[in-house]
C-alpha atoms as a PDB file:
ATOM      1  CA  MET A   1      16.131 -14.877 -75.075  1.00  0.00           C
ATOM      2  CA  SER A   2      14.231 -17.483 -73.048  1.00  0.00           C
ATOM      3  CA  GLN A   3      13.687 -17.127 -69.312  1.00  0.00           C
ATOM      4  CA  ASN A   4      16.216 -19.916 -68.627  1.00  0.00           C
ATOM      5  CA  GLN A   5      18.832 -18.227 -70.805  1.00  0.00           C
ATOM      6  CA  GLU A   6      18.179 -14.894 -69.111  1.00  0.00           C
ATOM      7  CA  ASN A   7      18.524 -16.465 -65.653  1.00  0.00           C
ATOM      8  CA  ARG A   8      21.723 -18.229 -66.699  1.00  0.00           C
ATOM      9  CA  SER A   9      23.159 -14.961 -68.039  1.00  0.00           C
ATOM     10  CA  GLN A  10      22.301 -13.135 -64.818  1.00  0.00           C
ATOM     11  CA  ASN A  11      23.868 -15.923 -62.745  1.00  0.00           C
ATOM     12  CA  GLN A  12      27.029 -15.767 -64.834  1.00  0.00           C
ATOM     13  CA  GLU A  13      27.271 -11.998 -64.440  1.00  0.00           C
ATOM     14  CA  GLU A  14      26.885 -12.325 -60.665  1.00  0.00           C
ATOM     15  CA  ARG A  15      29.540 -15.029 -60.506  1.00  0.00           C
ATOM     16  CA  LEU A  16      31.937 -12.946 -62.552  1.00  0.00           C
ATOM     17  CA  LYS A  17      31.390  -9.912 -60.334  1.00  0.00           C
ATOM     18  CA  GLN A  18      32.302 -12.109 -57.388  1.00  0.00           C
ATOM     19  CA  ALA A  19      35.314 -13.430 -59.297  1.00  0.00           C
ATOM     20  CA  LEU A  20      36.691  -9.917 -59.660  1.00  0.00           C
ATOM     21  CA  GLU A  21      36.981  -9.756 -55.880  1.00  0.00           C
ATOM     22  CA  ILE A  22      39.124 -12.893 -55.752  1.00  0.00           C
ATOM     23  CA  HIS A  23      42.765 -12.065 -55.131  1.00  0.00           C
ATOM     24  CA  GLN A  24      44.123 -14.204 -57.985  1.00  0.00           C
ATOM     25  CA  MET A  25      41.775 -12.535 -60.468  1.00  0.00           C
ATOM     26  CA  LYS A  26      43.041  -9.088 -59.526  1.00  0.00           C
ATOM     27  CA  GLN A  27      46.507 -10.279 -60.491  1.00  0.00           C
ATOM     28  CA  MET A  28      45.454 -11.086 -64.061  1.00  0.00           C
ATOM     29  CA  LEU A  29      46.858  -8.781 -66.752  1.00  0.00           C
ATOM     30  CA  VAL A  30      45.764  -9.211 -70.369  1.00  0.00           C
ATOM     31  CA  ILE A  31      48.420  -8.756 -73.052  1.00  0.00           C
ATOM     32  CA  ASP A  32      48.343  -8.726 -76.830  1.00  0.00           C
ATOM     33  CA  THR A  33      51.169  -8.139 -79.292  1.00  0.00           C
ATOM     34  CA  GLU A  34      51.330  -7.400 -82.997  1.00  0.00           C
ATOM     35  CA  ALA A  35      54.412  -8.522 -84.886  1.00  0.00           C
ATOM     36  CA  GLY A  36      55.884  -8.526 -88.345  1.00  0.00           C
ATOM     37  CA  GLY A  37      55.428 -12.281 -88.599  1.00  0.00           C
ATOM     38  CA  LEU A  38      55.208 -15.487 -86.607  1.00  0.00           C
ATOM     39  CA  ASN A  39      58.931 -16.113 -86.124  1.00  0.00           C
ATOM     40  CA  VAL A  40      59.975 -14.530 -82.847  1.00  0.00           C
ATOM     41  CA  PHE A  41      63.650 -15.137 -83.673  1.00  0.00           C
ATOM     42  CA  LYS A  42      63.401 -13.127 -86.890  1.00  0.00           C
ATOM     43  CA  ASN A  43      60.285 -10.987 -87.212  1.00  0.00           C
ATOM     44  CA  SER A  44      60.008  -7.643 -85.419  1.00  0.00           C
ATOM     45  CA  ILE A  45      57.665  -6.785 -82.589  1.00  0.00           C
ATOM     46  CA  LEU A  46      55.614  -3.784 -83.709  1.00  0.00           C
ATOM     47  CA  SER A  47      53.177  -3.072 -80.886  1.00  0.00           C
ATOM     48  CA  LEU A  48      51.872  -4.429 -77.604  1.00  0.00           C
ATOM     49  CA  ALA A  49      49.115  -3.558 -75.173  1.00  0.00           C
ATOM     50  CA  PHE A  50      48.055  -4.350 -71.634  1.00  0.00           C
ATOM     51  CA  VAL A  51      44.600  -4.264 -70.039  1.00  0.00           C
ATOM     52  CA  SER A  52      44.058  -4.788 -66.312  1.00  0.00           C
ATOM     53  CA  PHE A  53      41.475  -7.388 -65.399  1.00  0.00           C
ATOM     54  CA  ASP A  54      38.949  -4.780 -64.279  1.00  0.00           C
ATOM     55  CA  GLY A  55      39.516  -2.952 -67.569  1.00  0.00           C
ATOM     56  CA  ALA A  56      40.382   0.307 -65.824  1.00  0.00           C
ATOM     57  CA  HIS A  57      44.080   0.460 -66.698  1.00  0.00           C
ATOM     58  CA  GLN A  58      45.002   0.191 -70.361  1.00  0.00           C
ATOM     59  CA  ALA A  59      48.163   1.012 -72.284  1.00  0.00           C
ATOM     60  CA  GLU A  60      49.455   0.500 -75.818  1.00  0.00           C
ATOM     61  CA  PHE A  61      53.016   0.877 -77.086  1.00  0.00           C
ATOM     62  CA  TYR A  62      54.364   0.970 -80.643  1.00  0.00           C
ATOM     63  CA  VAL A  63      57.918  -0.280 -81.121  1.00  0.00           C
ATOM     64  CA  LEU A  64      60.486   0.504 -83.795  1.00  0.00           C
ATOM     65  CA  GLU A  65      63.301  -2.018 -83.828  1.00  0.00           C
ATOM     66  CA  ASP A  66      66.659  -0.911 -85.250  1.00  0.00           C
ATOM     67  CA  GLU A  67      66.182  -3.282 -88.178  1.00  0.00           C
ATOM     68  CA  LEU A  68      62.585  -4.004 -89.164  1.00  0.00           C
ATOM     69  CA  ASN A  69      61.803  -7.524 -90.312  1.00  0.00           C
ATOM     70  CA  THR A  70      58.230  -8.007 -91.512  1.00  0.00           C
ATOM     71  CA  GLU A  71      56.259 -10.288 -93.789  1.00  0.00           C
ATOM     72  CA  ALA A  72      53.490  -9.158 -96.117  1.00  0.00           C
ATOM     73  CA  GLN A  73      50.874 -11.549 -94.739  1.00  0.00           C
ATOM     74  CA  ALA A  74      51.351 -10.342 -91.169  1.00  0.00           C
ATOM     75  CA  MET A  75      51.255  -6.699 -92.188  1.00  0.00           C
ATOM     76  CA  ALA A  76      48.023  -7.264 -94.097  1.00  0.00           C
ATOM     77  CA  VAL A  77      46.474  -8.531 -90.872  1.00  0.00           C
ATOM     78  CA  ASN A  78      47.749  -5.956 -88.372  1.00  0.00           C
ATOM     79  CA  GLY A  79      47.426  -3.010 -90.748  1.00  0.00           C
ATOM     80  CA  ILE A  80      50.297  -1.082 -89.172  1.00  0.00           C
ATOM     81  CA  ASP A  81      51.671   1.651 -91.406  1.00  0.00           C
ATOM     82  CA  LEU A  82      55.438   1.203 -91.354  1.00  0.00           C
ATOM     83  CA  ASP A  83      56.051   4.826 -92.377  1.00  0.00           C
ATOM     84  CA  TRP A  84      53.951   5.934 -89.401  1.00  0.00           C
ATOM     85  CA  LEU A  85      55.809   3.479 -87.168  1.00  0.00           C
ATOM     86  CA  LYS A  86      59.191   4.835 -88.264  1.00  0.00           C
ATOM     87  CA  ALA A  87      58.055   8.328 -87.284  1.00  0.00           C
ATOM     88  CA  ASN A  88      56.281   7.449 -84.040  1.00  0.00           C
ATOM     89  CA  GLY A  89      57.526   4.116 -82.702  1.00  0.00           C
ATOM     90  CA  LEU A  90      59.536   3.851 -79.505  1.00  0.00           C
ATOM     91  CA  SER A  91      62.983   2.325 -79.467  1.00  0.00           C
ATOM     92  CA  PRO A  92      63.074  -1.044 -77.664  1.00  0.00           C
ATOM     93  CA  LYS A  93      64.774   0.637 -74.691  1.00  0.00           C
ATOM     94  CA  ASP A  94      62.208   3.432 -74.464  1.00  0.00           C
ATOM     95  CA  ALA A  95      59.358   0.929 -74.890  1.00  0.00           C
ATOM     96  CA  CYS A  96      60.675  -1.141 -71.976  1.00  0.00           C
ATOM     97  CA  LEU A  97      60.980   1.962 -69.818  1.00  0.00           C
ATOM     98  CA  ALA A  98      57.402   2.945 -70.712  1.00  0.00           C
ATOM     99  CA  ILE A  99      56.137  -0.549 -69.869  1.00  0.00           C
ATOM    100  CA  ASP A 100      58.027  -0.477 -66.582  1.00  0.00           C
ATOM    101  CA  GLN A 101      56.362   2.833 -65.769  1.00  0.00           C
ATOM    102  CA  TYR A 102      52.933   1.403 -66.606  1.00  0.00           C
ATOM    103  CA  ILE A 103      53.562  -1.627 -64.386  1.00  0.00           C
ATOM    104  CA  SER A 104      54.788   0.581 -61.520  1.00  0.00           C
ATOM    105  CA  GLY A 105      51.594   2.610 -61.786  1.00  0.00           C
ATOM    106  CA  LEU A 106      49.522  -0.564 -61.861  1.00  0.00           C
ATOM    107  CA  ILE A 107      51.222  -1.829 -58.695  1.00  0.00           C
ATOM    108  CA  GLU A 108      50.536   1.491 -56.995  1.00  0.00           C
ATOM    109  CA  LYS A 109      46.882   1.587 -58.062  1.00  0.00           C
ATOM    110  CA  THR A 110      46.013  -2.056 -57.395  1.00  0.00           C
ATOM    111  CA  GLY A 111      48.301  -2.929 -54.508  1.00  0.00           C
ATOM    112  CA  GLU A 112      49.321  -6.118 -56.340  1.00  0.00           C
ATOM    113  CA  GLN A 113      52.985  -7.015 -56.682  1.00  0.00           C
ATOM    114  CA  LYS A 114      52.770  -9.863 -59.214  1.00  0.00           C
ATOM    115  CA  PHE A 115      50.718 -10.168 -62.382  1.00  0.00           C
ATOM    116  CA  THR A 116      49.756 -13.286 -64.335  1.00  0.00           C
ATOM    117  CA  LEU A 117      49.705 -12.571 -68.058  1.00  0.00           C
ATOM    118  CA  VAL A 118      46.557 -13.631 -69.941  1.00  0.00           C
ATOM    119  CA  GLY A 119      46.192 -13.879 -73.704  1.00  0.00           C
ATOM    120  CA  HIS A 120      45.039 -15.868 -76.692  1.00  0.00           C
ATOM    121  CA  ASN A 121      47.991 -18.075 -77.667  1.00  0.00           C
ATOM    122  CA  ILE A 122      49.772 -16.423 -74.771  1.00  0.00           C
ATOM    123  CA  ALA A 123      53.102 -18.123 -75.508  1.00  0.00           C
ATOM    124  CA  PHE A 124      53.359 -16.004 -78.678  1.00  0.00           C
ATOM    125  CA  ASP A 125      52.821 -12.762 -76.765  1.00  0.00           C
ATOM    126  CA  ILE A 126      55.216 -13.634 -73.957  1.00  0.00           C
ATOM    127  CA  ALA A 127      57.881 -14.682 -76.463  1.00  0.00           C
ATOM    128  CA  TYR A 128      57.641 -11.317 -78.218  1.00  0.00           C
ATOM    129  CA  LEU A 129      57.573  -9.462 -74.909  1.00  0.00           C
ATOM    130  CA  LYS A 130      60.813 -11.192 -73.932  1.00  0.00           C
ATOM    131  CA  ARG A 131      62.261 -10.444 -77.374  1.00  0.00           C
ATOM    132  CA  LEU A 132      61.624  -6.763 -76.723  1.00  0.00           C
ATOM    133  CA  TYR A 133      63.416  -6.792 -73.376  1.00  0.00           C
ATOM    134  CA  GLU A 134      66.325  -8.778 -74.805  1.00  0.00           C
ATOM    135  CA  LEU A 135      66.730  -6.341 -77.704  1.00  0.00           C
ATOM    136  CA  ALA A 136      66.793  -3.483 -75.213  1.00  0.00           C
ATOM    137  CA  ASN A 137      69.211  -5.334 -72.914  1.00  0.00           C
ATOM    138  CA  HIS A 138      66.806  -4.358 -70.160  1.00  0.00           C
ATOM    139  CA  PRO A 139      65.791  -6.468 -67.128  1.00  0.00           C
ATOM    140  CA  TYR A 140      62.540  -8.365 -67.612  1.00  0.00           C
ATOM    141  CA  PRO A 141      59.993  -7.111 -65.027  1.00  0.00           C
ATOM    142  CA  LYS A 142      59.917  -9.154 -61.831  1.00  0.00           C
ATOM    143  CA  ALA A 143      56.244  -8.180 -61.573  1.00  0.00           C
ATOM    144  CA  PHE A 144      55.418 -10.631 -64.383  1.00  0.00           C
ATOM    145  CA  SER A 145      54.708 -14.071 -62.944  1.00  0.00           C
ATOM    146  CA  HIS A 146      56.227 -17.168 -64.536  1.00  0.00           C
ATOM    147  CA  ARG A 147      52.638 -18.451 -64.763  1.00  0.00           C
ATOM    148  CA  SER A 148      50.194 -17.493 -67.513  1.00  0.00           C
ATOM    149  CA  VAL A 149      46.626 -18.181 -68.664  1.00  0.00           C
ATOM    150  CA  ASP A 150      45.822 -19.035 -72.275  1.00  0.00           C
ATOM    151  CA  THR A 151      42.281 -18.524 -73.559  1.00  0.00           C
ATOM    152  CA  HIS A 152      42.999 -20.830 -76.493  1.00  0.00           C
ATOM    153  CA  SER A 153      43.808 -23.698 -74.104  1.00  0.00           C
ATOM    154  CA  LEU A 154      40.600 -23.105 -72.170  1.00  0.00           C
ATOM    155  CA  LEU A 155      38.548 -23.110 -75.375  1.00  0.00           C
ATOM    156  CA  TRP A 156      40.403 -26.189 -76.610  1.00  0.00           C
ATOM    157  CA  ALA A 157      39.409 -28.005 -73.426  1.00  0.00           C
ATOM    158  CA  LEU A 158      35.763 -27.012 -73.911  1.00  0.00           C
ATOM    159  CA  SER A 159      35.982 -28.248 -77.508  1.00  0.00           C
ATOM    160  CA  ILE A 160      37.520 -31.582 -76.518  1.00  0.00           C
ATOM    161  CA  LEU A 161      34.739 -32.052 -73.971  1.00  0.00           C
ATOM    162  CA  GLY A 162      32.174 -31.492 -76.715  1.00  0.00           C
ATOM    163  CA  LYS A 163      30.926 -28.231 -75.221  1.00  0.00           C
ATOM    164  CA  LYS A 164      32.127 -26.015 -78.073  1.00  0.00           C
ATOM    165  CA  GLU A 165      32.783 -26.389 -81.780  1.00  0.00           C
ATOM    166  CA  SER A 166      36.444 -26.447 -82.752  1.00  0.00           C
ATOM    167  CA  TYR A 167      36.200 -23.168 -84.677  1.00  0.00           C
ATOM    168  CA  VAL A 168      35.719 -21.370 -81.357  1.00  0.00           C
ATOM    169  CA  CYS A 169      39.372 -22.052 -80.504  1.00  0.00           C
ATOM    170  CA  THR A 170      40.543 -19.311 -82.882  1.00  0.00           C
ATOM    171  CA  SER A 171      40.324 -15.709 -81.742  1.00  0.00           C
ATOM    172  CA  ASP A 172      38.058 -14.733 -84.645  1.00  0.00           C
ATOM    173  CA  GLY A 173      35.860 -17.770 -83.996  1.00  0.00           C
ATOM    174  CA  ALA A 174      35.723 -17.089 -80.264  1.00  0.00           C
ATOM    175  CA  PHE A 175      34.841 -13.426 -80.682  1.00  0.00           C
ATOM    176  CA  ARG A 176      32.118 -14.358 -83.179  1.00  0.00           C
ATOM    177  CA  HIS A 177      30.717 -17.139 -80.982  1.00  0.00           C
ATOM    178  CA  TYR A 178      30.574 -14.984 -77.854  1.00  0.00           C
ATOM    179  CA  GLN A 179      29.433 -11.902 -79.792  1.00  0.00           C
ATOM    180  CA  ILE A 180      32.449  -9.850 -78.785  1.00  0.00           C
ATOM    181  CA  GLU A 181      32.861  -7.021 -81.250  1.00  0.00           C
ATOM    182  CA  PRO A 182      35.875  -4.753 -80.837  1.00  0.00           C
ATOM    183  CA  PRO A 183      35.517  -1.625 -82.962  1.00  0.00           C
ATOM    184  CA  ALA A 184      36.444  -2.472 -86.564  1.00  0.00           C
ATOM    185  CA  GLN A 185      39.324   0.017 -86.557  1.00  0.00           C
ATOM    186  CA  LEU A 186      40.804  -1.663 -83.471  1.00  0.00           C
ATOM    187  CA  ARG A 187      40.523  -5.314 -84.599  1.00  0.00           C
ATOM    188  CA  HIS A 188      44.000  -6.812 -84.911  1.00  0.00           C
ATOM    189  CA  THR A 189      45.513  -3.883 -83.065  1.00  0.00           C
ATOM    190  CA  ALA A 190      47.218  -4.790 -79.828  1.00  0.00           C
ATOM    191  CA  LEU A 191      44.861  -2.684 -77.700  1.00  0.00           C
ATOM    192  CA  GLY A 192      41.690  -3.729 -79.502  1.00  0.00           C
ATOM    193  CA  ASP A 193      42.522  -7.413 -79.206  1.00  0.00           C
ATOM    194  CA  ALA A 194      43.606  -7.070 -75.567  1.00  0.00           C
ATOM    195  CA  VAL A 195      40.279  -5.448 -74.657  1.00  0.00           C
ATOM    196  CA  ALA A 196      38.412  -8.155 -76.573  1.00  0.00           C
ATOM    197  CA  THR A 197      40.459 -10.915 -74.927  1.00  0.00           C
ATOM    198  CA  ARG A 198      39.589  -9.513 -71.512  1.00  0.00           C
ATOM    199  CA  ASP A 199      35.913  -9.798 -72.461  1.00  0.00           C
ATOM    200  CA  LEU A 200      36.565 -13.298 -73.807  1.00  0.00           C
ATOM    201  CA  ILE A 201      38.080 -14.646 -70.575  1.00  0.00           C
ATOM    202  CA  PHE A 202      34.970 -13.549 -68.698  1.00  0.00           C
ATOM    203  CA  LYS A 203      32.762 -15.339 -71.224  1.00  0.00           C
ATOM    204  CA  ILE A 204      34.848 -18.489 -70.928  1.00  0.00           C
ATOM    205  CA  LEU A 205      34.776 -18.435 -67.127  1.00  0.00           C
ATOM    206  CA  GLY A 206      30.997 -18.336 -67.364  1.00  0.00           C
ATOM    207  CA  GLU A 207      31.135 -21.799 -68.965  1.00  0.00           C
ATOM    208  CA  PHE A 208      32.488 -23.431 -65.813  1.00  0.00           C
END
């Protein structure tokens, strides 16, 4: 690493440390979901995870819908064992109650009342999160802001401006480009990808 690169890296780290003290940043909550396919109206939600922006508060939940609907391609990616899920997954209702408990604890620990969800292709994750609450006939948490932050959109903007190659817009491409390496056994798990996405948003913010 050259001296200029080292100085730039140190400056970015300092800026990001300062960013963590900004009120809006403390409200960021990273989410990732794993599903049985890409169709939120048909395919089941299988797991989801949350990571607070400081990384200190993490939680992962596995969900067993009453009627599982999965596709082979999706299952090959997420690697979830459906037999294990049937034995260990939470019902949609119990999953919502567990998430509510996690959010209540997060409010107590952070003092924040509202959280902005952050993810890669965040619309996918929010859609599946809402599917879960609808299946459970359970109120969607008021603590989740109607606003969200999408790392894909931020990377797309950098690509359009000629600052990044287009391959960086994918999660695999972004993790490779920024040398983010979640443990192999956690890649394409909800928790592993949520932790990696938290690291990714910090890398992206360093570009601005």
